């Protein structure tokens, strides 16, 4: 018997093994554990000195940028969520920066100081 695998039956995964044959991945950073040791401790907020600046993008749009984060992306995502909800604006994480739409420099400074960051 000759079986033919149809294109829609092919697996899209790069590794077709059983659960026990697949590499173990870190829950935080999703890298293979034997290749990388995930940092266990975040840098505390009190030891981080952040910088807030205002940028003007195309068509005159203002963006508030918070830079110099020294922590895991999970901690940055939590901080971004708080800033977005308190300022009522959209935002994103861009590398080691948090970007918020609009001019929110004074409000962000207050919120970050309340969370323990040095600004």
C-alpha atoms as a PDB file:
ATOM      1  CA  UNK A   1       0.000   0.000   0.000  1.00  0.00           C
ATOM      2  CA  UNK A   2       1.231   3.434  -0.897  1.00  0.00           C
ATOM      3  CA  UNK A   3      -0.101   6.267   1.235  1.00  0.00           C
ATOM      4  CA  UNK A   4      -0.016   9.793  -0.036  1.00  0.00           C
ATOM      5  CA  UNK A   5       0.000  12.749   2.339  1.00  0.00           C
ATOM      6  CA  UNK A   6      -2.224  15.496   1.070  1.00  0.00           C
ATOM      7  CA  UNK A   7      -1.033  19.117   1.470  1.00  0.00           C
ATOM      8  CA  UNK A   8      -3.743  19.988   4.016  1.00  0.00           C
ATOM      9  CA  UNK A   9      -2.811  16.959   6.128  1.00  0.00           C
ATOM     10  CA  UNK A  10       0.814  18.021   6.571  1.00  0.00           C
ATOM     11  CA  UNK A  11       1.859  19.403   9.880  1.00  0.00           C
ATOM     12  CA  UNK A  12       2.808  23.065   9.974  1.00  0.00           C
ATOM     13  CA  UNK A  13       5.104  22.598  12.973  1.00  0.00           C
ATOM     14  CA  UNK A  14       8.825  22.627  12.376  1.00  0.00           C
ATOM     15  CA  UNK A  15       9.187  19.658  14.731  1.00  0.00           C
ATOM     16  CA  UNK A  16       6.951  16.619  14.331  1.00  0.00           C
ATOM     17  CA  UNK A  17       7.566  14.556  17.416  1.00  0.00           C
ATOM     18  CA  UNK A  18       5.688  13.345  20.393  1.00  0.00           C
ATOM     19  CA  UNK A  19       5.306  15.476  23.495  1.00  0.00           C
ATOM     20  CA  UNK A  20       8.281  13.729  25.046  1.00  0.00           C
ATOM     21  CA  UNK A  21      10.516  14.349  22.025  1.00  0.00           C
ATOM     22  CA  UNK A  22       9.837  18.081  21.819  1.00  0.00           C
ATOM     23  CA  UNK A  23      12.286  20.420  23.564  1.00  0.00           C
ATOM     24  CA  UNK A  24      11.327  21.899  26.916  1.00  0.00           C
ATOM     25  CA  UNK A  25      10.548  25.624  26.676  1.00  0.00           C
ATOM     26  CA  UNK A  26      10.672  28.302  29.329  1.00  0.00           C
ATOM     27  CA  UNK A  27       7.215  29.584  30.330  1.00  0.00           C
ATOM     28  CA  UNK A  28       8.405  33.205  30.424  1.00  0.00           C
ATOM     29  CA  UNK A  29      10.643  33.686  27.403  1.00  0.00           C
ATOM     30  CA  UNK A  30       9.679  30.618  25.297  1.00  0.00           C
ATOM     31  CA  UNK A  31      13.267  29.611  24.548  1.00  0.00           C
ATOM     32  CA  UNK A  32      14.704  26.136  24.894  1.00  0.00           C
ATOM     33  CA  UNK A  33      15.771  25.576  28.499  1.00  0.00           C
ATOM     34  CA  UNK A  34      19.012  23.746  27.801  1.00  0.00           C
ATOM     35  CA  UNK A  35      20.242  26.638  25.622  1.00  0.00           C
ATOM     36  CA  UNK A  36      19.335  29.563  27.874  1.00  0.00           C
ATOM     37  CA  UNK A  37      18.801  30.232  31.538  1.00  0.00           C
ATOM     38  CA  UNK A  38      15.922  32.632  32.048  1.00  0.00           C
ATOM     39  CA  UNK A  39      16.604  35.407  34.572  1.00  0.00           C
ATOM     40  CA  UNK A  40      14.653  34.679  37.714  1.00  0.00           C
ATOM     41  CA  UNK A  41      14.662  38.091  39.366  1.00  0.00           C
ATOM     42  CA  UNK A  42      13.400  41.322  37.857  1.00  0.00           C
ATOM     43  CA  UNK A  43      15.191  44.573  38.508  1.00  0.00           C
ATOM     44  CA  UNK A  44      13.170  46.265  41.254  1.00  0.00           C
ATOM     45  CA  UNK A  45      11.374  49.470  40.338  1.00  0.00           C
ATOM     46  CA  UNK A  46      13.316  51.480  42.923  1.00  0.00           C
ATOM     47  CA  UNK A  47      16.609  50.710  41.140  1.00  0.00           C
ATOM     48  CA  UNK A  48      15.401  51.737  37.678  1.00  0.00           C
ATOM     49  CA  UNK A  49      15.908  55.309  36.502  1.00  0.00           C
ATOM     50  CA  UNK A  50      13.481  56.025  33.663  1.00  0.00           C
ATOM     51  CA  UNK A  51      13.415  58.854  31.160  1.00  0.00           C
ATOM     52  CA  UNK A  52      10.199  60.397  29.793  1.00  0.00           C
ATOM     53  CA  UNK A  53      10.239  62.365  26.561  1.00  0.00           C
ATOM     54  CA  UNK A  54       7.746  63.700  24.068  1.00  0.00           C
ATOM     55  CA  UNK A  55       8.178  62.928  20.360  1.00  0.00           C
ATOM     56  CA  UNK A  56       6.389  64.413  17.397  1.00  0.00           C
ATOM     57  CA  UNK A  57       5.557  61.894  14.699  1.00  0.00           C
ATOM     58  CA  UNK A  58       4.274  62.409  11.177  1.00  0.00           C
ATOM     59  CA  UNK A  59       1.181  64.551  10.736  1.00  0.00           C
ATOM     60  CA  UNK A  60       1.881  66.282  14.049  1.00  0.00           C
ATOM     61  CA  UNK A  61       0.964  63.317  16.273  1.00  0.00           C
ATOM     62  CA  UNK A  62       2.480  63.443  19.762  1.00  0.00           C
ATOM     63  CA  UNK A  63       3.895  60.319  21.404  1.00  0.00           C
ATOM     64  CA  UNK A  64       5.023  60.063  25.033  1.00  0.00           C
ATOM     65  CA  UNK A  65       7.996  57.687  25.288  1.00  0.00           C
ATOM     66  CA  UNK A  66       9.199  56.123  28.543  1.00  0.00           C
ATOM     67  CA  UNK A  67      12.684  54.640  28.082  1.00  0.00           C
ATOM     68  CA  UNK A  68      15.517  52.944  30.007  1.00  0.00           C
ATOM     69  CA  UNK A  69      13.514  50.006  31.361  1.00  0.00           C
ATOM     70  CA  UNK A  70      15.752  47.274  32.808  1.00  0.00           C
ATOM     71  CA  UNK A  71      13.242  44.511  33.385  1.00  0.00           C
ATOM     72  CA  UNK A  72      11.489  41.615  31.729  1.00  0.00           C
ATOM     73  CA  UNK A  73       8.845  42.265  29.116  1.00  0.00           C
ATOM     74  CA  UNK A  74       6.184  40.884  31.466  1.00  0.00           C
ATOM     75  CA  UNK A  75       6.854  43.675  33.972  1.00  0.00           C
ATOM     76  CA  UNK A  76       6.831  46.229  31.145  1.00  0.00           C
ATOM     77  CA  UNK A  77       3.485  44.885  29.916  1.00  0.00           C
ATOM     78  CA  UNK A  78       1.979  45.259  33.396  1.00  0.00           C
ATOM     79  CA  UNK A  79       3.261  48.840  33.623  1.00  0.00           C
ATOM     80  CA  UNK A  80       1.931  49.590  30.135  1.00  0.00           C
ATOM     81  CA  UNK A  81      -1.512  48.292  31.096  1.00  0.00           C
ATOM     82  CA  UNK A  82      -1.650  50.581  34.122  1.00  0.00           C
ATOM     83  CA  UNK A  83      -0.464  53.608  32.139  1.00  0.00           C
ATOM     84  CA  UNK A  84      -2.925  52.994  29.320  1.00  0.00           C
ATOM     85  CA  UNK A  85      -5.891  52.625  31.647  1.00  0.00           C
ATOM     86  CA  UNK A  86      -4.985  55.639  33.808  1.00  0.00           C
ATOM     87  CA  UNK A  87      -4.247  57.933  30.850  1.00  0.00           C
ATOM     88  CA  UNK A  88      -7.057  56.670  28.636  1.00  0.00           C
ATOM     89  CA  UNK A  89      -4.775  56.302  25.645  1.00  0.00           C
ATOM     90  CA  UNK A  90      -3.392  53.602  23.403  1.00  0.00           C
ATOM     91  CA  UNK A  91       0.150  52.412  23.736  1.00  0.00           C
ATOM     92  CA  UNK A  92       2.709  49.775  22.838  1.00  0.00           C
ATOM     93  CA  UNK A  93       6.051  48.286  23.842  1.00  0.00           C
ATOM     94  CA  UNK A  94       8.861  49.030  21.397  1.00  0.00           C
ATOM     95  CA  UNK A  95      12.043  47.250  22.469  1.00  0.00           C
ATOM     96  CA  UNK A  96      13.006  48.751  25.831  1.00  0.00           C
ATOM     97  CA  UNK A  97      10.558  51.653  25.470  1.00  0.00           C
ATOM     98  CA  UNK A  98       6.898  52.176  26.259  1.00  0.00           C
ATOM     99  CA  UNK A  99       5.074  54.465  23.821  1.00  0.00           C
ATOM    100  CA  UNK A 100       1.750  56.127  24.635  1.00  0.00           C
ATOM    101  CA  UNK A 101      -0.344  58.157  22.217  1.00  0.00           C
ATOM    102  CA  UNK A 102      -0.658  61.811  23.177  1.00  0.00           C
ATOM    103  CA  UNK A 103       1.036  64.184  25.614  1.00  0.00           C
ATOM    104  CA  UNK A 104       0.809  62.495  29.036  1.00  0.00           C
ATOM    105  CA  UNK A 105       4.238  63.371  30.454  1.00  0.00           C
ATOM    106  CA  UNK A 106       3.017  64.862  33.767  1.00  0.00           C
ATOM    107  CA  UNK A 107       0.459  62.120  34.461  1.00  0.00           C
ATOM    108  CA  UNK A 108       2.921  59.337  33.578  1.00  0.00           C
ATOM    109  CA  UNK A 109       5.569  60.870  35.830  1.00  0.00           C
ATOM    110  CA  UNK A 110       3.135  60.809  38.776  1.00  0.00           C
ATOM    111  CA  UNK A 111       2.050  57.235  38.073  1.00  0.00           C
ATOM    112  CA  UNK A 112       5.605  55.907  37.721  1.00  0.00           C
ATOM    113  CA  UNK A 113       6.733  57.611  40.951  1.00  0.00           C
ATOM    114  CA  UNK A 114       3.732  56.077  42.733  1.00  0.00           C
ATOM    115  CA  UNK A 115       4.810  52.636  41.443  1.00  0.00           C
ATOM    116  CA  UNK A 116       8.337  53.172  42.871  1.00  0.00           C
ATOM    117  CA  UNK A 117      10.309  54.127  39.747  1.00  0.00           C
ATOM    118  CA  UNK A 118      12.831  56.955  39.697  1.00  0.00           C
ATOM    119  CA  UNK A 119      11.992  59.416  36.921  1.00  0.00           C
END
